[in-house]
Amino acid sequence: MMKKHAPANGYILIEILVSLVIFAAGILFLIQALSRITRSNLQLRNNQIAVMLIDNMFNRLYSGEEFSERNDTTVSGKVFSPSIDITTLTDNFKKVSIKVSWQERRRTISTSFTHVMIDPL
């Protein structure tokens, strides 16, 4: 007479290993996503700092304040270097371009803005 086996209660080793591999892959994906988000956040922060420096320089130009073109600014250990290019378009108009550059992961990144200014008569 054949014995009936009771259904297996619990998990077998293969099921546990497969679930651990899936879990490890999910954790690895989350770590990579967090790394990319952190890097992107840092790049956006540096770009925001550069835009604020450019805005400050344009405000100083509009107010007529004199300032040095090469006035490097250090924020959180990162050096932001501005440069200004002023081109006379006509007797009353000037094109002003301000560019701020910084080093990020062995690359030079820059942000620039250009305004056309009216010279007072």
PDB file of N, CA and C in Angstrom:
ATOM      1  N   MET A   1       0.824  -1.159   0.000  1.00  0.00           N
ATOM      2  CA  MET A   1       0.000   0.000   0.000  1.00  0.00           C
ATOM      3  C   MET A   1       0.893   1.256   0.000  1.00  0.00           C
ATOM      4  N   MET A   2       0.499   2.225  -0.815  1.00  0.00           N
ATOM      5  CA  MET A   2       1.295   3.444  -0.921  1.00  0.00           C
ATOM      6  C   MET A   2       0.855   4.447   0.129  1.00  0.00           C
ATOM      7  N   LYS A   3       1.878   5.091   0.657  1.00  0.00           N
ATOM      8  CA  LYS A   3       1.588   6.105   1.670  1.00  0.00           C
ATOM      9  C   LYS A   3       1.323   7.435   0.981  1.00  0.00           C
ATOM     10  N   LYS A   4       0.381   8.142   1.493  1.00  0.00           N
ATOM     11  CA  LYS A   4       0.122   9.501   1.006  1.00  0.00           C
ATOM     12  C   LYS A   4       1.016  10.463   1.778  1.00  0.00           C
ATOM     13  N   HIS A   5       1.663  11.313   1.028  1.00  0.00           N
ATOM     14  CA  HIS A   5       2.507  12.322   1.669  1.00  0.00           C
ATOM     15  C   HIS A   5       1.674  13.572   1.929  1.00  0.00           C
ATOM     16  N   ALA A   6       1.911  14.144   3.057  1.00  0.00           N
ATOM     17  CA  ALA A   6       1.228  15.396   3.400  1.00  0.00           C
ATOM     18  C   ALA A   6       1.825  16.513   2.552  1.00  0.00           C
ATOM     19  N   PRO A   7       1.010  17.502   2.141  1.00  0.00           N
ATOM     20  CA  PRO A   7       1.560  18.608   1.359  1.00  0.00           C
ATOM     21  C   PRO A   7       2.638  19.326   2.168  1.00  0.00           C
ATOM     22  N   ALA A   8       3.671  19.793   1.446  1.00  0.00           N
ATOM     23  CA  ALA A   8       4.795  20.465   2.109  1.00  0.00           C
ATOM     24  C   ALA A   8       4.338  21.797   2.677  1.00  0.00           C
ATOM     25  N   ASN A   9       4.631  21.991   3.900  1.00  0.00           N
ATOM     26  CA  ASN A   9       4.356  23.283   4.545  1.00  0.00           C
ATOM     27  C   ASN A   9       5.677  24.034   4.643  1.00  0.00           C
ATOM     28  N   GLY A  10       5.710  25.271   4.167  1.00  0.00           N
ATOM     29  CA  GLY A  10       6.937  26.061   4.227  1.00  0.00           C
ATOM     30  C   GLY A  10       7.531  26.233   2.836  1.00  0.00           C
ATOM     31  N   TYR A  11       8.730  26.805   2.809  1.00  0.00           N
ATOM     32  CA  TYR A  11       9.393  27.125   1.549  1.00  0.00           C
ATOM     33  C   TYR A  11      10.586  26.208   1.355  1.00  0.00           C
ATOM     34  N   ILE A  12      10.883  25.963   0.110  1.00  0.00           N
ATOM     35  CA  ILE A  12      12.078  25.182  -0.161  1.00  0.00           C
ATOM     36  C   ILE A  12      13.229  26.137  -0.416  1.00  0.00           C
ATOM     37  N   LEU A  13      14.429  25.622  -0.395  1.00  0.00           N
ATOM     38  CA  LEU A  13      15.636  26.435  -0.498  1.00  0.00           C
ATOM     39  C   LEU A  13      15.668  27.250  -1.784  1.00  0.00           C
ATOM     40  N   ILE A  14      15.273  26.698  -2.896  1.00  0.00           N
ATOM     41  CA  ILE A  14      15.284  27.411  -4.184  1.00  0.00           C
ATOM     42  C   ILE A  14      14.382  28.637  -4.123  1.00  0.00           C
ATOM     43  N   GLU A  15      13.216  28.538  -3.545  1.00  0.00           N
ATOM     44  CA  GLU A  15      12.302  29.683  -3.436  1.00  0.00           C
ATOM     45  C   GLU A  15      12.923  30.789  -2.598  1.00  0.00           C
ATOM     46  N   ILE A  16      13.591  30.423  -1.542  1.00  0.00           N
ATOM     47  CA  ILE A  16      14.239  31.420  -0.686  1.00  0.00           C
ATOM     48  C   ILE A  16      15.371  32.114  -1.445  1.00  0.00           C
ATOM     49  N   LEU A  17      16.186  31.364  -2.177  1.00  0.00           N
ATOM     50  CA  LEU A  17      17.276  31.956  -2.944  1.00  0.00           C
ATOM     51  C   LEU A  17      16.759  32.890  -4.040  1.00  0.00           C
ATOM     52  N   VAL A  18      15.721  32.484  -4.737  1.00  0.00           N
ATOM     53  CA  VAL A  18      15.140  33.337  -5.783  1.00  0.00           C
ATOM     54  C   VAL A  18      14.610  34.631  -5.174  1.00  0.00           C
ATOM     55  N   SER A  19      13.934  34.555  -4.053  1.00  0.00           N
ATOM     56  CA  SER A  19      13.396  35.763  -3.415  1.00  0.00           C
ATOM     57  C   SER A  19      14.529  36.666  -2.918  1.00  0.00           C
ATOM     58  N   LEU A  20      15.628  36.087  -2.444  1.00  0.00           N
ATOM     59  CA  LEU A  20      16.774  36.898  -2.012  1.00  0.00           C
ATOM     60  C   LEU A  20      17.420  37.608  -3.204  1.00  0.00           C
ATOM     61  N   VAL A  21      17.528  36.943  -4.353  1.00  0.00           N
ATOM     62  CA  VAL A  21      18.089  37.581  -5.551  1.00  0.00           C
ATOM     63  C   VAL A  21      17.205  38.734  -6.003  1.00  0.00           C
ATOM     64  N   ILE A  22      15.917  38.535  -6.008  1.00  0.00           N
ATOM     65  CA  ILE A  22      14.985  39.603  -6.395  1.00  0.00           C
ATOM     66  C   ILE A  22      15.074  40.761  -5.415  1.00  0.00           C
ATOM     67  N   PHE A  23      15.131  40.471  -4.145  1.00  0.00           N
ATOM     68  CA  PHE A  23      15.248  41.510  -3.110  1.00  0.00           C
ATOM     69  C   PHE A  23      16.556  42.279  -3.281  1.00  0.00           C
ATOM     70  N   ALA A  24      17.679  41.573  -3.524  1.00  0.00           N
ATOM     71  CA  ALA A  24      18.984  42.225  -3.703  1.00  0.00           C
ATOM     72  C   ALA A  24      18.982  43.117  -4.941  1.00  0.00           C
ATOM     73  N   ALA A  25      18.348  42.658  -6.019  1.00  0.00           N
ATOM     74  CA  ALA A  25      18.269  43.475  -7.231  1.00  0.00           C
ATOM     75  C   ALA A  25      17.465  44.748  -6.968  1.00  0.00           C
ATOM     76  N   GLY A  26      16.388  44.628  -6.217  1.00  0.00           N
ATOM     77  CA  GLY A  26      15.589  45.815  -5.873  1.00  0.00           C
ATOM     78  C   GLY A  26      16.368  46.808  -5.018  1.00  0.00           C
ATOM     79  N   ILE A  27      17.112  46.306  -4.043  1.00  0.00           N
ATOM     80  CA  ILE A  27      17.924  47.192  -3.193  1.00  0.00           C
ATOM     81  C   ILE A  27      19.004  47.874  -4.023  1.00  0.00           C
ATOM     82  N   LEU A  28      19.649  47.140  -4.935  1.00  0.00           N
ATOM     83  CA  LEU A  28      20.671  47.717  -5.803  1.00  0.00           C
ATOM     84  C   LEU A  28      20.077  48.821  -6.674  1.00  0.00           C
ATOM     85  N   PHE A  29      18.902  48.598  -7.220  1.00  0.00           N
ATOM     86  CA  PHE A  29      18.227  49.616  -8.023  1.00  0.00           C
ATOM     87  C   PHE A  29      17.955  50.869  -7.191  1.00  0.00           C
ATOM     88  N   LEU A  30      17.482  50.699  -5.966  1.00  0.00           N
ATOM     89  CA  LEU A  30      17.204  51.849  -5.100  1.00  0.00           C
ATOM     90  C   LEU A  30      18.469  52.628  -4.763  1.00  0.00           C
ATOM     91  N   ILE A  31      19.572  51.937  -4.539  1.00  0.00           N
ATOM     92  CA  ILE A  31      20.837  52.623  -4.229  1.00  0.00           C
ATOM     93  C   ILE A  31      21.313  53.427  -5.443  1.00  0.00           C
ATOM     94  N   GLN A  32      21.208  52.859  -6.634  1.00  0.00           N
ATOM     95  CA  GLN A  32      21.600  53.589  -7.840  1.00  0.00           C
ATOM     96  C   GLN A  32      20.705  54.804  -8.067  1.00  0.00           C
ATOM     97  N   ALA A  33      19.416  54.639  -7.850  1.00  0.00           N
ATOM     98  CA  ALA A  33      18.486  55.762  -8.019  1.00  0.00           C
ATOM     99  C   ALA A  33      18.804  56.873  -7.030  1.00  0.00           C
ATOM    100  N   LEU A  34      19.098  56.517  -5.795  1.00  0.00           N
ATOM    101  CA  LEU A  34      19.448  57.513  -4.781  1.00  0.00           C
ATOM    102  C   LEU A  34      20.729  58.239  -5.154  1.00  0.00           C
ATOM    103  N   SER A  35      21.701  57.527  -5.697  1.00  0.00           N
ATOM    104  CA  SER A  35      22.955  58.139  -6.131  1.00  0.00           C
ATOM    105  C   SER A  35      22.710  59.141  -7.250  1.00  0.00           C
ATOM    106  N   ARG A  36      21.883  58.766  -8.226  1.00  0.00           N
ATOM    107  CA  ARG A  36      21.578  59.684  -9.344  1.00  0.00           C
ATOM    108  C   ARG A  36      20.803  60.909  -8.858  1.00  0.00           C
ATOM    109  N   ILE A  37      19.892  60.707  -7.952  1.00  0.00           N
ATOM    110  CA  ILE A  37      19.110  61.834  -7.417  1.00  0.00           C
ATOM    111  C   ILE A  37      20.024  62.792  -6.666  1.00  0.00           C
ATOM    112  N   THR A  38      20.941  62.259  -5.875  1.00  0.00           N
ATOM    113  CA  THR A  38      21.871  63.094  -5.118  1.00  0.00           C
ATOM    114  C   THR A  38      22.773  63.892  -6.055  1.00  0.00           C
ATOM    115  N   ARG A  39      23.295  63.226  -7.103  1.00  0.00           N
ATOM    116  CA  ARG A  39      24.158  63.905  -8.072  1.00  0.00           C
ATOM    117  C   ARG A  39      23.388  65.005  -8.806  1.00  0.00           C
ATOM    118  N   SER A  40      22.166  64.711  -9.199  1.00  0.00           N
ATOM    119  CA  SER A  40      21.340  65.691  -9.889  1.00  0.00           C
ATOM    120  C   SER A  40      21.036  66.881  -8.986  1.00  0.00           C
ATOM    121  N   ASN A  41      20.764  66.612  -7.727  1.00  0.00           N
ATOM    122  CA  ASN A  41      20.490  67.681  -6.765  1.00  0.00           C
ATOM    123  C   ASN A  41      21.702  68.587  -6.606  1.00  0.00           C
ATOM    124  N   LEU A  42      22.901  68.017  -6.563  1.00  0.00           N
ATOM    125  CA  LEU A  42      24.124  68.811  -6.441  1.00  0.00           C
ATOM    126  C   LEU A  42      24.338  69.670  -7.682  1.00  0.00           C
ATOM    127  N   GLN A  43      24.096  69.104  -8.868  1.00  0.00           N
ATOM    128  CA  GLN A  43      24.244  69.880 -10.099  1.00  0.00           C
ATOM    129  C   GLN A  43      23.250  71.043 -10.142  1.00  0.00           C
ATOM    130  N   LEU A  44      22.021  70.782  -9.738  1.00  0.00           N
ATOM    131  CA  LEU A  44      21.016  71.855  -9.711  1.00  0.00           C
ATOM    132  C   LEU A  44      21.386  72.941  -8.701  1.00  0.00           C
ATOM    133  N   ARG A  45      21.919  72.529  -7.565  1.00  0.00           N
ATOM    134  CA  ARG A  45      22.331  73.496  -6.538  1.00  0.00           C
ATOM    135  C   ARG A  45      23.450  74.391  -7.075  1.00  0.00           C
ATOM    136  N   ASN A  46      24.444  73.801  -7.733  1.00  0.00           N
ATOM    137  CA  ASN A  46      25.541  74.583  -8.292  1.00  0.00           C
ATOM    138  C   ASN A  46      25.042  75.524  -9.387  1.00  0.00           C
ATOM    139  N   ASN A  47      24.121  75.058 -10.206  1.00  0.00           N
ATOM    140  CA  ASN A  47      23.549  75.911 -11.243  1.00  0.00           C
ATOM    141  C   ASN A  47      22.766  77.072 -10.625  1.00  0.00           C
ATOM    142  N   GLN A  48      22.047  76.794  -9.555  1.00  0.00           N
ATOM    143  CA  GLN A  48      21.294  77.851  -8.865  1.00  0.00           C
ATOM    144  C   GLN A  48      22.237  78.909  -8.290  1.00  0.00           C
ATOM    145  N   ILE A  49      23.350  78.467  -7.711  1.00  0.00           N
ATOM    146  CA  ILE A  49      24.340  79.409  -7.179  1.00  0.00           C
ATOM    147  C   ILE A  49      24.883  80.276  -8.309  1.00  0.00           C
ATOM    148  N   ALA A  50      25.196  79.671  -9.456  1.00  0.00           N
ATOM    149  CA  ALA A  50      25.709  80.434 -10.600  1.00  0.00           C
ATOM    150  C   ALA A  50      24.689  81.456 -11.091  1.00  0.00           C
ATOM    151  N   VAL A  51      23.422  81.075 -11.159  1.00  0.00           N
ATOM    152  CA  VAL A  51      22.377  82.003 -11.609  1.00  0.00           C
ATOM    153  C   VAL A  51      22.239  83.164 -10.616  1.00  0.00           C
ATOM    154  N   MET A  52      22.325  82.875  -9.323  1.00  0.00           N
ATOM    155  CA  MET A  52      22.242  83.950  -8.319  1.00  0.00           C
ATOM    156  C   MET A  52      23.435  84.905  -8.443  1.00  0.00           C
ATOM    157  N   LEU A  53      24.625  84.387  -8.720  1.00  0.00           N
ATOM    158  CA  LEU A  53      25.791  85.247  -8.913  1.00  0.00           C
ATOM    159  C   LEU A  53      25.632  86.117 -10.160  1.00  0.00           C
ATOM    160  N   ILE A  54      25.123  85.529 -11.238  1.00  0.00           N
ATOM    161  CA  ILE A  54      24.893  86.305 -12.464  1.00  0.00           C
ATOM    162  C   ILE A  54      23.866  87.401 -12.212  1.00  0.00           C
ATOM    163  N   ASP A  55      22.791  87.071 -11.529  1.00  0.00           N
ATOM    164  CA  ASP A  55      21.760  88.057 -11.209  1.00  0.00           C
ATOM    165  C   ASP A  55      22.339  89.193 -10.366  1.00  0.00           C
ATOM    166  N   ASN A  56      23.168  88.842  -9.396  1.00  0.00           N
ATOM    167  CA  ASN A  56      23.808  89.854  -8.547  1.00  0.00           C
ATOM    168  C   ASN A  56      24.697  90.771  -9.378  1.00  0.00           C
ATOM    169  N   MET A  57      25.445  90.208 -10.324  1.00  0.00           N
ATOM    170  CA  MET A  57      26.326  91.032 -11.157  1.00  0.00           C
ATOM    171  C   MET A  57      25.526  91.959 -12.072  1.00  0.00           C
ATOM    172  N   PHE A  58      24.422  91.456 -12.645  1.00  0.00           N
ATOM    173  CA  PHE A  58      23.586  92.329 -13.473  1.00  0.00           C
ATOM    174  C   PHE A  58      22.989  93.462 -12.631  1.00  0.00           C
ATOM    175  N   ASN A  59      22.545  93.153 -11.428  1.00  0.00           N
ATOM    176  CA  ASN A  59      22.007  94.202 -10.549  1.00  0.00           C
ATOM    177  C   ASN A  59      23.059  95.259 -10.240  1.00  0.00           C
ATOM    178  N   ARG A  60      24.287  94.826 -10.027  1.00  0.00           N
ATOM    179  CA  ARG A  60      25.361  95.782  -9.763  1.00  0.00           C
ATOM    180  C   ARG A  60      25.655  96.619 -10.998  1.00  0.00           C
ATOM    181  N   LEU A  61      25.591  96.010 -12.187  1.00  0.00           N
ATOM    182  CA  LEU A  61      25.789  96.776 -13.421  1.00  0.00           C
ATOM    183  C   LEU A  61      24.693  97.811 -13.618  1.00  0.00           C
ATOM    184  N   TYR A  62      23.439  97.387 -13.408  1.00  0.00           N
ATOM    185  CA  TYR A  62      22.314  98.317 -13.575  1.00  0.00           C
ATOM    186  C   TYR A  62      22.372  99.475 -12.590  1.00  0.00           C
ATOM    187  N   SER A  63      22.882  99.229 -11.397  1.00  0.00           N
ATOM    188  CA  SER A  63      22.964 100.293 -10.398  1.00  0.00           C
ATOM    189  C   SER A  63      24.172 101.205 -10.621  1.00  0.00           C
ATOM    190  N   GLY A  64      25.051 100.824 -11.550  1.00  0.00           N
ATOM    191  CA  GLY A  64      26.214 101.652 -11.840  1.00  0.00           C
ATOM    192  C   GLY A  64      27.390 101.381 -10.913  1.00  0.00           C
ATOM    193  N   GLU A  65      27.309 100.362 -10.096  1.00  0.00           N
ATOM    194  CA  GLU A  65      28.383 100.049  -9.153  1.00  0.00           C
ATOM    195  C   GLU A  65      29.577  99.459  -9.905  1.00  0.00           C
ATOM    196  N   GLU A  66      30.761  99.886  -9.521  1.00  0.00           N
ATOM    197  CA  GLU A  66      31.976  99.346 -10.117  1.00  0.00           C
ATOM    198  C   GLU A  66      32.371  98.073  -9.381  1.00  0.00           C
ATOM    199  N   PHE A  67      32.818  97.078 -10.132  1.00  0.00           N
ATOM    200  CA  PHE A  67      33.288  95.847  -9.509  1.00  0.00           C
ATOM    201  C   PHE A  67      34.278  95.158 -10.424  1.00  0.00           C
ATOM    202  N   SER A  68      35.069  94.281  -9.839  1.00  0.00           N
ATOM    203  CA  SER A  68      36.085  93.553 -10.583  1.00  0.00           C
ATOM    204  C   SER A  68      35.439  92.440 -11.400  1.00  0.00           C
ATOM    205  N   GLU A  69      35.884  92.316 -12.636  1.00  0.00           N
ATOM    206  CA  GLU A  69      35.318  91.273 -13.504  1.00  0.00           C
ATOM    207  C   GLU A  69      35.679  89.880 -12.997  1.00  0.00           C
ATOM    208  N   ARG A  70      36.875  89.703 -12.508  1.00  0.00           N
ATOM    209  CA  ARG A  70      37.329  88.394 -12.051  1.00  0.00           C
ATOM    210  C   ARG A  70      37.266  88.336 -10.531  1.00  0.00           C
ATOM    211  N   ASN A  71      36.074  88.290 -10.024  1.00  0.00           N
ATOM    212  CA  ASN A  71      35.858  88.228  -8.581  1.00  0.00           C
ATOM    213  C   ASN A  71      35.321  86.836  -8.249  1.00  0.00           C
ATOM    214  N   ASP A  72      36.238  85.840  -8.160  1.00  0.00           N
ATOM    215  CA  ASP A  72      35.816  84.465  -7.893  1.00  0.00           C
ATOM    216  C   ASP A  72      35.092  84.372  -6.559  1.00  0.00           C
ATOM    217  N   THR A  73      34.082  83.520  -6.514  1.00  0.00           N
ATOM    218  CA  THR A  73      33.295  83.308  -5.302  1.00  0.00           C
ATOM    219  C   THR A  73      33.376  81.835  -4.936  1.00  0.00           C
ATOM    220  N   THR A  74      33.649  81.552  -3.653  1.00  0.00           N
ATOM    221  CA  THR A  74      33.706  80.175  -3.179  1.00  0.00           C
ATOM    222  C   THR A  74      32.491  79.893  -2.317  1.00  0.00           C
ATOM    223  N   VAL A  75      31.746  78.854  -2.664  1.00  0.00           N
ATOM    224  CA  VAL A  75      30.576  78.427  -1.908  1.00  0.00           C
ATOM    225  C   VAL A  75      30.722  76.934  -1.649  1.00  0.00           C
ATOM    226  N   SER A  76      30.724  76.550  -0.386  1.00  0.00           N
ATOM    227  CA  SER A  76      30.854  75.140   0.020  1.00  0.00           C
ATOM    228  C   SER A  76      32.057  74.467  -0.624  1.00  0.00           C
ATOM    229  N   GLY A  77      33.170  75.193  -0.703  1.00  0.00           N
ATOM    230  CA  GLY A  77      34.396  74.622  -1.241  1.00  0.00           C
ATOM    231  C   GLY A  77      34.490  74.604  -2.750  1.00  0.00           C
ATOM    232  N   LYS A  78      33.474  75.071  -3.459  1.00  0.00           N
ATOM    233  CA  LYS A  78      33.481  75.098  -4.925  1.00  0.00           C
ATOM    234  C   LYS A  78      33.682  76.539  -5.384  1.00  0.00           C
ATOM    235  N   VAL A  79      34.616  76.722  -6.332  1.00  0.00           N
ATOM    236  CA  VAL A  79      34.962  78.063  -6.823  1.00  0.00           C
ATOM    237  C   VAL A  79      34.154  78.364  -8.078  1.00  0.00           C
ATOM    238  N   PHE A  80      33.414  79.469  -8.044  1.00  0.00           N
ATOM    239  CA  PHE A  80      32.621  79.935  -9.180  1.00  0.00           C
ATOM    240  C   PHE A  80      33.331  81.156  -9.760  1.00  0.00           C
ATOM    241  N   SER A  81      33.691  81.089 -11.053  1.00  0.00           N
ATOM    242  CA  SER A  81      34.468  82.146 -11.706  1.00  0.00           C
ATOM    243  C   SER A  81      33.621  82.863 -12.752  1.00  0.00           C
ATOM    244  N   PRO A  82      33.336  84.157 -12.534  1.00  0.00           N
ATOM    245  CA  PRO A  82      32.542  84.908 -13.512  1.00  0.00           C
ATOM    246  C   PRO A  82      33.421  85.547 -14.592  1.00  0.00           C
ATOM    247  N   SER A  83      32.826  85.782 -15.742  1.00  0.00           N
ATOM    248  CA  SER A  83      33.474  86.579 -16.783  1.00  0.00           C
ATOM    249  C   SER A  83      32.395  87.417 -17.460  1.00  0.00           C
ATOM    250  N   ILE A  84      32.782  88.624 -17.854  1.00  0.00           N
ATOM    251  CA  ILE A  84      31.820  89.568 -18.442  1.00  0.00           C
ATOM    252  C   ILE A  84      32.307  89.965 -19.831  1.00  0.00           C
ATOM    253  N   ASP A  85      31.384  90.016 -20.782  1.00  0.00           N
ATOM    254  CA  ASP A  85      31.684  90.476 -22.129  1.00  0.00           C
ATOM    255  C   ASP A  85      30.675  91.576 -22.466  1.00  0.00           C
ATOM    256  N   ILE A  86      31.176  92.791 -22.694  1.00  0.00           N
ATOM    257  CA  ILE A  86      30.299  93.924 -23.023  1.00  0.00           C
ATOM    258  C   ILE A  86      30.608  94.360 -24.453  1.00  0.00           C
ATOM    259  N   THR A  87      29.562  94.340 -25.289  1.00  0.00           N
ATOM    260  CA  THR A  87      29.696  94.739 -26.685  1.00  0.00           C
ATOM    261  C   THR A  87      28.764  95.913 -26.949  1.00  0.00           C
ATOM    262  N   THR A  88      29.292  96.986 -27.564  1.00  0.00           N
ATOM    263  CA  THR A  88      28.467  98.135 -27.916  1.00  0.00           C
ATOM    264  C   THR A  88      27.754  97.841 -29.229  1.00  0.00           C
ATOM    265  N   LEU A  89      26.413  97.873 -29.177  1.00  0.00           N
ATOM    266  CA  LEU A  89      25.612  97.606 -30.372  1.00  0.00           C
ATOM    267  C   LEU A  89      25.375  98.883 -31.172  1.00  0.00           C
ATOM    268  N   THR A  90      24.892  99.914 -30.488  1.00  0.00           N
ATOM    269  CA  THR A  90      24.679 101.238 -31.089  1.00  0.00           C
ATOM    270  C   THR A  90      25.142 102.260 -30.054  1.00  0.00           C
ATOM    271  N   ASP A  91      24.829 103.544 -30.330  1.00  0.00           N
ATOM    272  CA  ASP A  91      25.231 104.589 -29.388  1.00  0.00           C
ATOM    273  C   ASP A  91      24.587 104.400 -28.020  1.00  0.00           C
ATOM    274  N   ASN A  92      23.357 103.888 -27.983  1.00  0.00           N
ATOM    275  CA  ASN A  92      22.627 103.787 -26.717  1.00  0.00           C
ATOM    276  C   ASN A  92      22.483 102.365 -26.181  1.00  0.00           C
ATOM    277  N   PHE A  93      22.866 101.370 -26.945  1.00  0.00           N
ATOM    278  CA  PHE A  93      22.635  99.993 -26.521  1.00  0.00           C
ATOM    279  C   PHE A  93      23.943  99.208 -26.382  1.00  0.00           C
ATOM    280  N   LYS A  94      23.994  98.421 -25.317  1.00  0.00           N
ATOM    281  CA  LYS A  94      25.121  97.529 -25.090  1.00  0.00           C
ATOM    282  C   LYS A  94      24.593  96.118 -24.845  1.00  0.00           C
ATOM    283  N   LYS A  95      25.313  95.151 -25.383  1.00  0.00           N
ATOM    284  CA  LYS A  95      24.986  93.748 -25.100  1.00  0.00           C
ATOM    285  C   LYS A  95      25.958  93.276 -24.015  1.00  0.00           C
ATOM    286  N   VAL A  96      25.391  92.831 -22.889  1.00  0.00           N
ATOM    287  CA  VAL A  96      26.200  92.390 -21.761  1.00  0.00           C
ATOM    288  C   VAL A  96      25.968  90.893 -21.559  1.00  0.00           C
ATOM    289  N   SER A  97      27.039  90.122 -21.651  1.00  0.00           N
ATOM    290  CA  SER A  97      26.972  88.676 -21.406  1.00  0.00           C
ATOM    291  C   SER A  97      27.806  88.360 -20.173  1.00  0.00           C
ATOM    292  N   ILE A  98      27.196  87.674 -19.230  1.00  0.00           N
ATOM    293  CA  ILE A  98      27.902  87.250 -18.026  1.00  0.00           C
ATOM    294  C   ILE A  98      27.859  85.732 -17.975  1.00  0.00           C
ATOM    295  N   LYS A  99      29.032  85.158 -17.774  1.00  0.00           N
ATOM    296  CA  LYS A  99      29.168  83.695 -17.724  1.00  0.00           C
ATOM    297  C   LYS A  99      29.848  83.325 -16.415  1.00  0.00           C
ATOM    298  N   VAL A 100      29.303  82.320 -15.727  1.00  0.00           N
ATOM    299  CA  VAL A 100      29.913  81.807 -14.497  1.00  0.00           C
ATOM    300  C   VAL A 100      30.280  80.349 -14.744  1.00  0.00           C
ATOM    301  N   SER A 101      31.547  80.013 -14.460  1.00  0.00           N
ATOM    302  CA  SER A 101      32.048  78.651 -14.672  1.00  0.00           C
ATOM    303  C   SER A 101      32.502  78.047 -13.353  1.00  0.00           C
ATOM    304  N   TRP A 102      32.427  76.710 -13.265  1.00  0.00           N
ATOM    305  CA  TRP A 102      32.916  75.991 -12.098  1.00  0.00           C
ATOM    306  C   TRP A 102      33.304  74.578 -12.520  1.00  0.00           C
ATOM    307  N   GLN A 103      34.107  73.932 -11.691  1.00  0.00           N
ATOM    308  CA  GLN A 103      34.554  72.565 -11.958  1.00  0.00           C
ATOM    309  C   GLN A 103      33.616  71.583 -11.268  1.00  0.00           C
ATOM    310  N   GLU A 104      33.234  70.558 -12.010  1.00  0.00           N
ATOM    311  CA  GLU A 104      32.358  69.519 -11.461  1.00  0.00           C
ATOM    312  C   GLU A 104      32.763  68.185 -12.058  1.00  0.00           C
ATOM    313  N   ARG A 105      33.268  67.301 -11.228  1.00  0.00           N
ATOM    314  CA  ARG A 105      33.689  65.961 -11.658  1.00  0.00           C
ATOM    315  C   ARG A 105      34.658  66.019 -12.827  1.00  0.00           C
ATOM    316  N   ARG A 106      35.703  66.846 -12.677  1.00  0.00           N
ATOM    317  CA  ARG A 106      36.772  67.019 -13.670  1.00  0.00           C
ATOM    318  C   ARG A 106      36.283  67.604 -14.995  1.00  0.00           C
ATOM    319  N   ARG A 107      35.138  68.278 -14.972  1.00  0.00           N
ATOM    320  CA  ARG A 107      34.624  68.966 -16.159  1.00  0.00           C
ATOM    321  C   ARG A 107      34.331  70.407 -15.781  1.00  0.00           C
ATOM    322  N   THR A 108      34.468  71.294 -16.746  1.00  0.00           N
ATOM    323  CA  THR A 108      34.103  72.689 -16.529  1.00  0.00           C
ATOM    324  C   THR A 108      32.663  72.873 -16.970  1.00  0.00           C
ATOM    325  N   ILE A 109      31.835  73.323 -16.041  1.00  0.00           N
ATOM    326  CA  ILE A 109      30.420  73.589 -16.307  1.00  0.00           C
ATOM    327  C   ILE A 109      30.236  75.104 -16.269  1.00  0.00           C
ATOM    328  N   SER A 110      29.353  75.627 -17.094  1.00  0.00           N
ATOM    329  CA  SER A 110      29.122  77.073 -17.076  1.00  0.00           C
ATOM    330  C   SER A 110      27.657  77.385 -17.354  1.00  0.00           C
ATOM    331  N   THR A 111      27.262  78.533 -16.863  1.00  0.00           N
ATOM    332  CA  THR A 111      25.935  79.082 -17.109  1.00  0.00           C
ATOM    333  C   THR A 111      26.132  80.534 -17.523  1.00  0.00           C
ATOM    334  N   SER A 112      25.387  80.980 -18.514  1.00  0.00           N
ATOM    335  CA  SER A 112      25.547  82.368 -18.957  1.00  0.00           C
ATOM    336  C   SER A 112      24.198  82.986 -19.304  1.00  0.00           C
ATOM    337  N   PHE A 113      24.163  84.305 -19.170  1.00  0.00           N
ATOM    338  CA  PHE A 113      22.984  85.092 -19.530  1.00  0.00           C
ATOM    339  C   PHE A 113      23.448  86.311 -20.297  1.00  0.00           C
ATOM    340  N   THR A 114      22.597  86.778 -21.204  1.00  0.00           N
ATOM    341  CA  THR A 114      22.892  87.976 -21.999  1.00  0.00           C
ATOM    342  C   THR A 114      21.720  88.936 -21.898  1.00  0.00           C
ATOM    343  N   HIS A 115      22.037  90.200 -21.635  1.00  0.00           N
ATOM    344  CA  HIS A 115      21.021  91.269 -21.591  1.00  0.00           C
ATOM    345  C   HIS A 115      21.460  92.378 -22.537  1.00  0.00           C
ATOM    346  N   VAL A 116      20.496  93.075 -23.057  1.00  0.00           N
ATOM    347  CA  VAL A 116      20.776  94.291 -23.798  1.00  0.00           C
ATOM    348  C   VAL A 116      20.424  95.458 -22.893  1.00  0.00           C
ATOM    349  N   MET A 117      21.401  96.321 -22.649  1.00  0.00           N
ATOM    350  CA  MET A 117      21.211  97.446 -21.721  1.00  0.00           C
ATOM    351  C   MET A 117      21.162  98.755 -22.510  1.00  0.00           C
ATOM    352  N   ILE A 118      20.398  99.667 -21.978  1.00  0.00           N
ATOM    353  CA  ILE A 118      20.311 101.015 -22.575  1.00  0.00           C
ATOM    354  C   ILE A 118      21.226 101.928 -21.784  1.00  0.00           C
ATOM    355  N   ASP A 119      22.112 102.624 -22.478  1.00  0.00           N
ATOM    356  CA  ASP A 119      22.969 103.613 -21.805  1.00  0.00           C
ATOM    357  C   ASP A 119      22.156 104.885 -21.567  1.00  0.00           C
ATOM    358  N   PRO A 120      22.276 105.449 -20.376  1.00  0.00           N
ATOM    359  CA  PRO A 120      21.573 106.720 -20.130  1.00  0.00           C
ATOM    360  C   PRO A 120      22.200 107.829 -20.990  1.00  0.00           C
ATOM    361  N   LEU A 121      21.364 108.707 -21.425  1.00  0.00           N
ATOM    362  CA  LEU A 121      21.855 109.814 -22.275  1.00  0.00           C
ATOM    363  C   LEU A 121      22.573 110.856 -21.491  1.00  0.00           C
TER     364      LEU A 121
END
